[in-house]
PDB file of N, CA and C in Angstrom:
ATOM      1  N   MET A   1     -36.666  -5.038  -1.295  1.00  0.00           N
ATOM      2  CA  MET A   1     -35.883  -5.588  -0.213  1.00  0.00           C
ATOM      3  C   MET A   1     -34.396  -5.526  -0.529  1.00  0.00           C
ATOM      4  N   SER A   2     -34.027  -5.879  -1.754  1.00  0.00           N
ATOM      5  CA  SER A   2     -32.611  -5.890  -2.121  1.00  0.00           C
ATOM      6  C   SER A   2     -32.045  -4.469  -2.184  1.00  0.00           C
ATOM      7  N   ASP A   3     -32.881  -3.490  -2.560  1.00  0.00           N
ATOM      8  CA  ASP A   3     -32.414  -2.107  -2.600  1.00  0.00           C
ATOM      9  C   ASP A   3     -32.097  -1.597  -1.199  1.00  0.00           C
ATOM     10  N   ALA A   4     -32.914  -1.948  -0.225  1.00  0.00           N
ATOM     11  CA  ALA A   4     -32.685  -1.520   1.153  1.00  0.00           C
ATOM     12  C   ALA A   4     -31.415  -2.169   1.704  1.00  0.00           C
ATOM     13  N   ALA A   5     -31.198  -3.434   1.373  1.00  0.00           N
ATOM     14  CA  ALA A   5     -29.986  -4.122   1.837  1.00  0.00           C
ATOM     15  C   ALA A   5     -28.746  -3.512   1.206  1.00  0.00           C
ATOM     16  N   ALA A   6     -28.860  -3.123  -0.052  1.00  0.00           N
ATOM     17  CA  ALA A   6     -27.721  -2.512  -0.733  1.00  0.00           C
ATOM     18  C   ALA A   6     -27.380  -1.155  -0.119  1.00  0.00           C
ATOM     19  N   VAL A   7     -28.403  -0.408   0.277  1.00  0.00           N
ATOM     20  CA  VAL A   7     -28.176   0.898   0.890  1.00  0.00           C
ATOM     21  C   VAL A   7     -27.500   0.738   2.244  1.00  0.00           C
ATOM     22  N   GLU A   8     -27.901  -0.253   3.025  1.00  0.00           N
ATOM     23  CA  GLU A   8     -27.337  -0.452   4.354  1.00  0.00           C
ATOM     24  C   GLU A   8     -25.894  -0.943   4.303  1.00  0.00           C
ATOM     25  N   THR A   9     -25.570  -1.784   3.320  1.00  0.00           N
ATOM     26  CA  THR A   9     -24.221  -2.334   3.241  1.00  0.00           C
ATOM     27  C   THR A   9     -23.237  -1.381   2.582  1.00  0.00           C
ATOM     28  N   ARG A  10     -23.699  -0.344   1.935  1.00  0.00           N
ATOM     29  CA  ARG A  10     -22.809   0.613   1.296  1.00  0.00           C
ATOM     30  C   ARG A  10     -22.001   1.351   2.353  1.00  0.00           C
ATOM     31  N   LYS A  11     -20.702   1.511   2.083  1.00  0.00           N
ATOM     32  CA  LYS A  11     -19.821   2.188   3.030  1.00  0.00           C
ATOM     33  C   LYS A  11     -20.110   3.688   3.025  1.00  0.00           C
ATOM     34  N   PRO A  12     -20.200   4.333   4.194  1.00  0.00           N
ATOM     35  CA  PRO A  12     -20.451   5.775   4.218  1.00  0.00           C
ATOM     36  C   PRO A  12     -19.269   6.527   3.604  1.00  0.00           C
ATOM     37  N   GLU A  13     -19.565   7.627   2.960  1.00  0.00           N
ATOM     38  CA  GLU A  13     -18.524   8.432   2.310  1.00  0.00           C
ATOM     39  C   GLU A  13     -17.593   9.019   3.377  1.00  0.00           C
ATOM     40  N   SER A  14     -16.295   8.892   3.137  1.00  0.00           N
ATOM     41  CA  SER A  14     -15.306   9.350   4.102  1.00  0.00           C
ATOM     42  C   SER A  14     -15.166  10.864   4.048  1.00  0.00           C
ATOM     43  N   ARG A  15     -14.912  11.452   5.191  1.00  0.00           N
ATOM     44  CA  ARG A  15     -14.696  12.895   5.257  1.00  0.00           C
ATOM     45  C   ARG A  15     -13.232  13.243   5.096  1.00  0.00           C
ATOM     46  N   ARG A  16     -12.375  12.240   4.966  1.00  0.00           N
ATOM     47  CA  ARG A  16     -10.948  12.492   4.868  1.00  0.00           C
ATOM     48  C   ARG A  16     -10.575  13.025   3.493  1.00  0.00           C
ATOM     49  N   THR A  17      -9.699  14.007   3.500  1.00  0.00           N
ATOM     50  CA  THR A  17      -9.276  14.659   2.269  1.00  0.00           C
ATOM     51  C   THR A  17      -8.402  13.731   1.446  1.00  0.00           C
ATOM     52  N   GLU A  18      -8.564  13.777   0.137  1.00  0.00           N
ATOM     53  CA  GLU A  18      -7.712  13.029  -0.775  1.00  0.00           C
ATOM     54  C   GLU A  18      -7.029  14.006  -1.718  1.00  0.00           C
ATOM     55  N   LYS A  19      -5.772  13.712  -2.047  1.00  0.00           N
ATOM     56  CA  LYS A  19      -5.011  14.551  -2.966  1.00  0.00           C
ATOM     57  C   LYS A  19      -4.314  13.663  -3.978  1.00  0.00           C
ATOM     58  N   VAL A  20      -4.072  14.199  -5.164  1.00  0.00           N
ATOM     59  CA  VAL A  20      -3.367  13.485  -6.219  1.00  0.00           C
ATOM     60  C   VAL A  20      -2.102  14.256  -6.534  1.00  0.00           C
ATOM     61  N   GLY A  21      -0.963  13.529  -6.583  1.00  0.00           N
ATOM     62  CA  GLY A  21       0.308  14.195  -6.850  1.00  0.00           C
ATOM     63  C   GLY A  21       1.357  13.230  -7.354  1.00  0.00           C
ATOM     64  N   ASN A  22       2.558  13.756  -7.598  1.00  0.00           N
ATOM     65  CA  ASN A  22       3.677  12.969  -8.115  1.00  0.00           C
ATOM     66  C   ASN A  22       4.593  12.538  -6.977  1.00  0.00           C
ATOM     67  N   VAL A  23       5.092  11.302  -7.051  1.00  0.00           N
ATOM     68  CA  VAL A  23       6.051  10.813  -6.064  1.00  0.00           C
ATOM     69  C   VAL A  23       7.407  11.417  -6.396  1.00  0.00           C
ATOM     70  N   VAL A  24       8.002  12.099  -5.411  1.00  0.00           N
ATOM     71  CA  VAL A  24       9.278  12.773  -5.593  1.00  0.00           C
ATOM     72  C   VAL A  24      10.417  11.948  -5.015  1.00  0.00           C
ATOM     73  N   SER A  25      10.145  11.234  -3.897  1.00  0.00           N
ATOM     74  CA  SER A  25      11.196  10.482  -3.233  1.00  0.00           C
ATOM     75  C   SER A  25      10.627   9.210  -2.607  1.00  0.00           C
ATOM     76  N   THR A  26      11.428   8.120  -2.684  1.00  0.00           N
ATOM     77  CA  THR A  26      11.063   6.857  -2.029  1.00  0.00           C
ATOM     78  C   THR A  26      12.257   6.330  -1.234  1.00  0.00           C
ATOM     79  N   LYS A  27      13.111   7.211  -0.763  1.00  0.00           N
ATOM     80  CA  LYS A  27      14.359   6.798  -0.121  1.00  0.00           C
ATOM     81  C   LYS A  27      14.174   6.328   1.312  1.00  0.00           C
ATOM     82  N   MET A  28      13.010   6.567   1.902  1.00  0.00           N
ATOM     83  CA  MET A  28      12.749   6.111   3.268  1.00  0.00           C
ATOM     84  C   MET A  28      11.979   4.798   3.230  1.00  0.00           C
ATOM     85  N   GLN A  29      12.035   4.061   4.333  1.00  0.00           N
ATOM     86  CA  GLN A  29      11.314   2.795   4.411  1.00  0.00           C
ATOM     87  C   GLN A  29       9.845   3.078   4.700  1.00  0.00           C
ATOM     88  N   LYS A  30       8.972   2.535   3.859  1.00  0.00           N
ATOM     89  CA  LYS A  30       7.516   2.651   3.999  1.00  0.00           C
ATOM     90  C   LYS A  30       7.027   4.094   3.994  1.00  0.00           C
ATOM     91  N   THR A  31       7.799   4.997   3.401  1.00  0.00           N
ATOM     92  CA  THR A  31       7.407   6.398   3.326  1.00  0.00           C
ATOM     93  C   THR A  31       7.724   6.930   1.936  1.00  0.00           C
ATOM     94  N   ILE A  32       6.789   7.681   1.389  1.00  0.00           N
ATOM     95  CA  ILE A  32       7.029   8.355   0.119  1.00  0.00           C
ATOM     96  C   ILE A  32       6.773   9.845   0.310  1.00  0.00           C
ATOM     97  N   VAL A  33       7.413  10.648  -0.533  1.00  0.00           N
ATOM     98  CA  VAL A  33       7.184  12.084  -0.526  1.00  0.00           C
ATOM     99  C   VAL A  33       6.413  12.404  -1.805  1.00  0.00           C
ATOM    100  N   VAL A  34       5.242  12.999  -1.637  1.00  0.00           N
ATOM    101  CA  VAL A  34       4.357  13.302  -2.770  1.00  0.00           C
ATOM    102  C   VAL A  34       4.258  14.811  -2.912  1.00  0.00           C
ATOM    103  N   GLU A  35       4.509  15.300  -4.126  1.00  0.00           N
ATOM    104  CA  GLU A  35       4.390  16.723  -4.393  1.00  0.00           C
ATOM    105  C   GLU A  35       3.064  16.982  -5.103  1.00  0.00           C
ATOM    106  N   VAL A  36       2.234  17.815  -4.491  1.00  0.00           N
ATOM    107  CA  VAL A  36       0.918  18.146  -5.038  1.00  0.00           C
ATOM    108  C   VAL A  36       0.981  19.567  -5.574  1.00  0.00           C
ATOM    109  N   GLU A  37       0.567  19.725  -6.827  1.00  0.00           N
ATOM    110  CA  GLU A  37       0.569  21.039  -7.456  1.00  0.00           C
ATOM    111  C   GLU A  37      -0.834  21.615  -7.429  1.00  0.00           C
ATOM    112  N   MET A  38      -0.943  22.852  -6.959  1.00  0.00           N
ATOM    113  CA  MET A  38      -2.233  23.526  -6.873  1.00  0.00           C
ATOM    114  C   MET A  38      -2.196  24.792  -7.720  1.00  0.00           C
ATOM    115  N   ARG A  39      -3.330  25.163  -8.273  1.00  0.00           N
ATOM    116  CA  ARG A  39      -3.436  26.399  -9.046  1.00  0.00           C
ATOM    117  C   ARG A  39      -4.385  27.332  -8.310  1.00  0.00           C
ATOM    118  N   LYS A  40      -3.904  28.547  -8.049  1.00  0.00           N
ATOM    119  CA  LYS A  40      -4.726  29.545  -7.375  1.00  0.00           C
ATOM    120  C   LYS A  40      -4.622  30.857  -8.128  1.00  0.00           C
ATOM    121  N   THR A  41      -5.677  31.624  -8.052  1.00  0.00           N
ATOM    122  CA  THR A  41      -5.614  32.952  -8.655  1.00  0.00           C
ATOM    123  C   THR A  41      -5.102  33.941  -7.614  1.00  0.00           C
ATOM    124  N   HIS A  42      -4.280  34.862  -8.056  1.00  0.00           N
ATOM    125  CA  HIS A  42      -3.746  35.885  -7.170  1.00  0.00           C
ATOM    126  C   HIS A  42      -4.889  36.811  -6.764  1.00  0.00           C
ATOM    127  N   PRO A  43      -4.985  37.129  -5.464  1.00  0.00           N
ATOM    128  CA  PRO A  43      -6.135  37.925  -5.020  1.00  0.00           C
ATOM    129  C   PRO A  43      -6.219  39.317  -5.655  1.00  0.00           C
ATOM    130  N   LYS A  44      -5.083  39.941  -5.915  1.00  0.00           N
ATOM    131  CA  LYS A  44      -5.104  41.295  -6.467  1.00  0.00           C
ATOM    132  C   LYS A  44      -4.984  41.298  -7.989  1.00  0.00           C
ATOM    133  N   TYR A  45      -4.037  40.518  -8.515  1.00  0.00           N
ATOM    134  CA  TYR A  45      -3.734  40.593  -9.940  1.00  0.00           C
ATOM    135  C   TYR A  45      -4.512  39.588 -10.787  1.00  0.00           C
ATOM    136  N   LYS A  46      -5.252  38.699 -10.154  1.00  0.00           N
ATOM    137  CA  LYS A  46      -6.130  37.728 -10.830  1.00  0.00           C
ATOM    138  C   LYS A  46      -5.390  36.822 -11.817  1.00  0.00           C
ATOM    139  N   ARG A  47      -4.120  36.625 -11.601  1.00  0.00           N
ATOM    140  CA  ARG A  47      -3.340  35.745 -12.465  1.00  0.00           C
ATOM    141  C   ARG A  47      -3.247  34.366 -11.805  1.00  0.00           C
ATOM    142  N   VAL A  48      -3.308  33.300 -12.604  1.00  0.00           N
ATOM    143  CA  VAL A  48      -3.239  31.946 -12.073  1.00  0.00           C
ATOM    144  C   VAL A  48      -1.789  31.618 -11.736  1.00  0.00           C
ATOM    145  N   ILE A  49      -1.571  31.168 -10.501  1.00  0.00           N
ATOM    146  CA  ILE A  49      -0.233  30.848  -9.997  1.00  0.00           C
ATOM    147  C   ILE A  49      -0.183  29.378  -9.643  1.00  0.00           C
ATOM    148  N   LYS A  50       0.929  28.714  -9.984  1.00  0.00           N
ATOM    149  CA  LYS A  50       1.135  27.323  -9.590  1.00  0.00           C
ATOM    150  C   LYS A  50       1.841  27.297  -8.249  1.00  0.00           C
ATOM    151  N   LEU A  51       1.246  26.598  -7.288  1.00  0.00           N
ATOM    152  CA  LEU A  51       1.853  26.402  -5.983  1.00  0.00           C
ATOM    153  C   LEU A  51       2.024  24.907  -5.773  1.00  0.00           C
ATOM    154  N   SER A  52       3.130  24.503  -5.167  1.00  0.00           N
ATOM    155  CA  SER A  52       3.316  23.081  -4.897  1.00  0.00           C
ATOM    156  C   SER A  52       3.662  22.889  -3.427  1.00  0.00           C
ATOM    157  N   LYS A  53       3.229  21.753  -2.903  1.00  0.00           N
ATOM    158  CA  LYS A  53       3.478  21.417  -1.505  1.00  0.00           C
ATOM    159  C   LYS A  53       3.820  19.944  -1.424  1.00  0.00           C
ATOM    160  N   LYS A  54       4.756  19.594  -0.539  1.00  0.00           N
ATOM    161  CA  LYS A  54       5.172  18.204  -0.383  1.00  0.00           C
ATOM    162  C   LYS A  54       4.483  17.596   0.836  1.00  0.00           C
ATOM    163  N   PHE A  55       4.019  16.364   0.674  1.00  0.00           N
ATOM    164  CA  PHE A  55       3.375  15.628   1.746  1.00  0.00           C
ATOM    165  C   PHE A  55       4.105  14.308   1.942  1.00  0.00           C
ATOM    166  N   TYR A  56       4.299  13.923   3.189  1.00  0.00           N
ATOM    167  CA  TYR A  56       4.889  12.619   3.513  1.00  0.00           C
ATOM    168  C   TYR A  56       3.745  11.629   3.697  1.00  0.00           C
ATOM    169  N   ALA A  57       3.809  10.514   2.981  1.00  0.00           N
ATOM    170  CA  ALA A  57       2.721   9.539   3.017  1.00  0.00           C
ATOM    171  C   ALA A  57       3.264   8.160   3.354  1.00  0.00           C
ATOM    172  N   HIS A  58       2.446   7.366   4.053  1.00  0.00           N
ATOM    173  CA  HIS A  58       2.808   6.007   4.445  1.00  0.00           C
ATOM    174  C   HIS A  58       2.508   5.051   3.294  1.00  0.00           C
ATOM    175  N   ASP A  59       3.516   4.260   2.901  1.00  0.00           N
ATOM    176  CA  ASP A  59       3.388   3.283   1.815  1.00  0.00           C
ATOM    177  C   ASP A  59       3.799   1.930   2.388  1.00  0.00           C
ATOM    178  N   GLU A  60       2.827   1.153   2.846  1.00  0.00           N
ATOM    179  CA  GLU A  60       3.096  -0.097   3.577  1.00  0.00           C
ATOM    180  C   GLU A  60       3.865  -1.115   2.735  1.00  0.00           C
ATOM    181  N   GLN A  61       3.514  -1.284   1.459  1.00  0.00           N
ATOM    182  CA  GLN A  61       4.152  -2.302   0.621  1.00  0.00           C
ATOM    183  C   GLN A  61       5.335  -1.760  -0.185  1.00  0.00           C
ATOM    184  N   ASN A  62       5.692  -0.507  -0.020  1.00  0.00           N
ATOM    185  CA  ASN A  62       6.735   0.133  -0.835  1.00  0.00           C
ATOM    186  C   ASN A  62       6.443  -0.058  -2.323  1.00  0.00           C
ATOM    187  N   SER A  63       5.191   0.133  -2.713  1.00  0.00           N
ATOM    188  CA  SER A  63       4.777  -0.122  -4.089  1.00  0.00           C
ATOM    189  C   SER A  63       4.992   1.078  -5.011  1.00  0.00           C
ATOM    190  N   ALA A  64       5.018   2.279  -4.473  1.00  0.00           N
ATOM    191  CA  ALA A  64       5.165   3.470  -5.308  1.00  0.00           C
ATOM    192  C   ALA A  64       6.620   3.684  -5.697  1.00  0.00           C
ATOM    193  N   ARG A  65       6.809   4.244  -6.895  1.00  0.00           N
ATOM    194  CA  ARG A  65       8.149   4.549  -7.392  1.00  0.00           C
ATOM    195  C   ARG A  65       8.221   6.021  -7.762  1.00  0.00           C
ATOM    196  N   VAL A  66       9.430   6.533  -7.897  1.00  0.00           N
ATOM    197  CA  VAL A  66       9.609   7.948  -8.241  1.00  0.00           C
ATOM    198  C   VAL A  66       8.990   8.211  -9.608  1.00  0.00           C
ATOM    199  N   GLY A  67       8.208   9.273  -9.702  1.00  0.00           N
ATOM    200  CA  GLY A  67       7.572   9.642 -10.959  1.00  0.00           C
ATOM    201  C   GLY A  67       6.141   9.159 -11.087  1.00  0.00           C
ATOM    202  N   ASP A  68       5.698   8.249 -10.202  1.00  0.00           N
ATOM    203  CA  ASP A  68       4.322   7.757 -10.251  1.00  0.00           C
ATOM    204  C   ASP A  68       3.349   8.861  -9.853  1.00  0.00           C
ATOM    205  N   VAL A  69       2.156   8.795 -10.411  1.00  0.00           N
ATOM    206  CA  VAL A  69       1.062   9.667  -9.979  1.00  0.00           C
ATOM    207  C   VAL A  69       0.227   8.851  -9.003  1.00  0.00           C
ATOM    208  N   VAL A  70       0.065   9.360  -7.775  1.00  0.00           N
ATOM    209  CA  VAL A  70      -0.606   8.592  -6.718  1.00  0.00           C
ATOM    210  C   VAL A  70      -1.707   9.419  -6.077  1.00  0.00           C
ATOM    211  N   ARG A  71      -2.639   8.705  -5.429  1.00  0.00           N
ATOM    212  CA  ARG A  71      -3.686   9.334  -4.632  1.00  0.00           C
ATOM    213  C   ARG A  71      -3.373   9.043  -3.174  1.00  0.00           C
ATOM    214  N   ILE A  72      -3.347  10.081  -2.349  1.00  0.00           N
ATOM    215  CA  ILE A  72      -3.088   9.918  -0.914  1.00  0.00           C
ATOM    216  C   ILE A  72      -4.302  10.387  -0.137  1.00  0.00           C
ATOM    217  N   ARG A  73      -4.501   9.777   1.039  1.00  0.00           N
ATOM    218  CA  ARG A  73      -5.648  10.100   1.876  1.00  0.00           C
ATOM    219  C   ARG A  73      -5.165  10.525   3.258  1.00  0.00           C
ATOM    220  N   GLU A  74      -5.835  11.497   3.816  1.00  0.00           N
ATOM    221  CA  GLU A  74      -5.530  12.008   5.140  1.00  0.00           C
ATOM    222  C   GLU A  74      -5.728  10.908   6.184  1.00  0.00           C
ATOM    223  N   SER A  75      -4.833  10.834   7.192  1.00  0.00           N
ATOM    224  CA  SER A  75      -4.960   9.822   8.237  1.00  0.00           C
ATOM    225  C   SER A  75      -4.514  10.421   9.562  1.00  0.00           C
ATOM    226  N   ARG A  76      -4.515   9.573  10.565  1.00  0.00           N
ATOM    227  CA  ARG A  76      -4.036  10.033  11.875  1.00  0.00           C
ATOM    228  C   ARG A  76      -2.530  10.264  11.787  1.00  0.00           C
ATOM    229  N   PRO A  77      -1.950  11.052  12.691  1.00  0.00           N
ATOM    230  CA  PRO A  77      -0.508  11.257  12.657  1.00  0.00           C
ATOM    231  C   PRO A  77       0.254   9.949  12.885  1.00  0.00           C
ATOM    232  N   LEU A  78       1.124   9.602  11.944  1.00  0.00           N
ATOM    233  CA  LEU A  78       1.910   8.374  12.034  1.00  0.00           C
ATOM    234  C   LEU A  78       3.325   8.653  12.519  1.00  0.00           C
ATOM    235  N   SER A  79       3.813   9.860  12.321  1.00  0.00           N
ATOM    236  CA  SER A  79       5.122  10.276  12.818  1.00  0.00           C
ATOM    237  C   SER A  79       5.118  11.798  12.880  1.00  0.00           C
ATOM    238  N   LYS A  80       6.295  12.377  13.031  1.00  0.00           N
ATOM    239  CA  LYS A  80       6.381  13.832  13.139  1.00  0.00           C
ATOM    240  C   LYS A  80       5.823  14.532  11.896  1.00  0.00           C
ATOM    241  N   LEU A  81       6.100  13.976  10.717  1.00  0.00           N
ATOM    242  CA  LEU A  81       5.673  14.615   9.475  1.00  0.00           C
ATOM    243  C   LEU A  81       4.596  13.856   8.713  1.00  0.00           C
ATOM    244  N   LYS A  82       4.437  12.559   8.968  1.00  0.00           N
ATOM    245  CA  LYS A  82       3.500  11.745   8.176  1.00  0.00           C
ATOM    246  C   LYS A  82       2.076  11.850   8.705  1.00  0.00           C
ATOM    247  N   ARG A  83       1.192  12.370   7.864  1.00  0.00           N
ATOM    248  CA  ARG A  83      -0.237  12.452   8.193  1.00  0.00           C
ATOM    249  C   ARG A  83      -1.085  11.955   7.039  1.00  0.00           C
ATOM    250  N   TRP A  84      -0.488  11.230   6.080  1.00  0.00           N
ATOM    251  CA  TRP A  84      -1.176  10.755   4.889  1.00  0.00           C
ATOM    252  C   TRP A  84      -0.821   9.304   4.638  1.00  0.00           C
ATOM    253  N   THR A  85      -1.710   8.575   3.980  1.00  0.00           N
ATOM    254  CA  THR A  85      -1.434   7.196   3.577  1.00  0.00           C
ATOM    255  C   THR A  85      -1.678   7.062   2.077  1.00  0.00           C
ATOM    256  N   LEU A  86      -0.922   6.167   1.457  1.00  0.00           N
ATOM    257  CA  LEU A  86      -1.072   5.911   0.031  1.00  0.00           C
ATOM    258  C   LEU A  86      -2.373   5.164  -0.198  1.00  0.00           C
ATOM    259  N   GLU A  87      -3.232   5.720  -1.036  1.00  0.00           N
ATOM    260  CA  GLU A  87      -4.514   5.091  -1.340  1.00  0.00           C
ATOM    261  C   GLU A  87      -4.382   4.197  -2.571  1.00  0.00           C
ATOM    262  N   GLU A  88      -3.830   4.745  -3.665  1.00  0.00           N
ATOM    263  CA  GLU A  88      -3.639   3.947  -4.872  1.00  0.00           C
ATOM    264  C   GLU A  88      -2.643   4.633  -5.790  1.00  0.00           C
ATOM    265  N   VAL A  89      -2.032   3.841  -6.654  1.00  0.00           N
ATOM    266  CA  VAL A  89      -1.159   4.369  -7.703  1.00  0.00           C
ATOM    267  C   VAL A  89      -2.040   4.602  -8.920  1.00  0.00           C
ATOM    268  N   VAL A  90      -2.216   5.857  -9.295  1.00  0.00           N
ATOM    269  CA  VAL A  90      -3.095   6.204 -10.403  1.00  0.00           C
ATOM    270  C   VAL A  90      -2.432   5.863 -11.733  1.00  0.00           C
ATOM    271  N   ARG A  91      -1.157   6.257 -11.890  1.00  0.00           N
ATOM    272  CA  ARG A  91      -0.438   5.996 -13.131  1.00  0.00           C
ATOM    273  C   ARG A  91       1.022   5.702 -12.817  1.00  0.00           C
ATOM    274  N   ARG A  92       1.540   4.625 -13.388  1.00  0.00           N
ATOM    275  CA  ARG A  92       2.940   4.243 -13.200  1.00  0.00           C
ATOM    276  C   ARG A  92       3.848   5.144 -14.022  1.00  0.00           C
ATOM    277  N   SER A  93       5.053   5.356 -13.514  1.00  0.00           N
ATOM    278  CA  SER A  93       6.048   6.146 -14.216  1.00  0.00           C
ATOM    279  C   SER A  93       6.682   5.323 -15.335  1.00  0.00           C
ATOM    280  N   SER A  94       7.026   5.990 -16.414  1.00  0.00           N
ATOM    281  CA  SER A  94       7.712   5.302 -17.510  1.00  0.00           C
ATOM    282  C   SER A  94       9.224   5.404 -17.363  1.00  0.00           C
ATOM    283  N   LEU A  95       9.682   6.075 -16.302  1.00  0.00           N
ATOM    284  CA  LEU A  95      11.118   6.220 -16.073  1.00  0.00           C
ATOM    285  C   LEU A  95      11.714   4.902 -15.592  1.00  0.00           C
ATOM    286  N   PRO A  96      12.911   4.523 -16.080  1.00  0.00           N
ATOM    287  CA  PRO A  96      13.558   3.315 -15.552  1.00  0.00           C
ATOM    288  C   PRO A  96      14.031   3.572 -14.126  1.00  0.00           C
ATOM    289  N   GLN A  97      13.907   2.557 -13.269  1.00  0.00           N
ATOM    290  CA  GLN A  97      14.265   2.698 -11.864  1.00  0.00           C
ATOM    291  C   GLN A  97      15.726   2.354 -11.637  1.00  0.00           C
ATOM    292  N   SER A  98      16.341   2.926 -10.606  1.00  0.00           N
ATOM    293  CA  SER A  98      17.763   2.719 -10.329  1.00  0.00           C
ATOM    294  C   SER A  98      18.056   1.270  -9.936  1.00  0.00           C
ATOM    295  N   GLU A  99      17.108   0.579  -9.241  1.00  0.00           N
ATOM    296  CA  GLU A  99      17.329  -0.819  -8.851  1.00  0.00           C
ATOM    297  C   GLU A  99      17.408  -1.714 -10.080  1.00  0.00           C
ATOM    298  N   GLU A 100      16.563  -1.395 -11.077  1.00  0.00           N
ATOM    299  CA  GLU A 100      16.555  -2.193 -12.292  1.00  0.00           C
ATOM    300  C   GLU A 100      17.822  -1.975 -13.106  1.00  0.00           C
ATOM    301  N   LEU A 101      18.357  -0.762 -13.067  1.00  0.00           N
ATOM    302  CA  LEU A 101      19.576  -0.461 -13.800  1.00  0.00           C
ATOM    303  C   LEU A 101      20.809  -1.047 -13.136  1.00  0.00           C
ATOM    304  N   ALA A 102      20.794  -1.162 -11.802  1.00  0.00           N
ATOM    305  CA  ALA A 102      21.961  -1.644 -11.060  1.00  0.00           C
ATOM    306  C   ALA A 102      22.174  -3.140 -11.231  1.00  0.00           C
ATOM    307  N   GLN A 103      21.126  -3.891 -11.539  1.00  0.00           N
ATOM    308  CA  GLN A 103      21.276  -5.346 -11.686  1.00  0.00           C
ATOM    309  C   GLN A 103      21.959  -5.675 -13.008  1.00  0.00           C
ATOM    310  N   PRO A 104      22.961  -6.584 -12.968  1.00  0.00           N
ATOM    311  CA  PRO A 104      23.651  -6.939 -14.212  1.00  0.00           C
ATOM    312  C   PRO A 104      22.757  -7.770 -15.123  1.00  0.00           C
ATOM    313  N   VAL A 105      22.962  -7.607 -16.406  1.00  0.00           N
ATOM    314  CA  VAL A 105      22.179  -8.338 -17.407  1.00  0.00           C
ATOM    315  C   VAL A 105      22.841  -9.699 -17.629  1.00  0.00           C
ATOM    316  N   ALA A 106      22.065 -10.775 -17.507  1.00  0.00           N
ATOM    317  CA  ALA A 106      22.619 -12.125 -17.620  1.00  0.00           C
ATOM    318  C   ALA A 106      22.785 -12.570 -19.050  1.00  0.00           C
TER     319      ALA A 106
END
């Protein structure tokens, strides 16, 4: 009985695409720019090539910082360029942030 209840309450797997990348910019309100690096083999020369693409993602709490590694998920169009939402911060950046540097030391 408990196994059947567990199966029914489990959330169905989402069909939305998820990507992992680095935060490049946080200069907009509630928006981050995430650069995702992909590796593809060249069709003729069979050499591995690094390709990168930037995605605009919605960050409701402004929690991501430049240099963080984040996971973004595909969503409905939120603006002209935003079609992704921030799912989670995978790894925090070790870089010092400009807001922290601008505050005077007491």
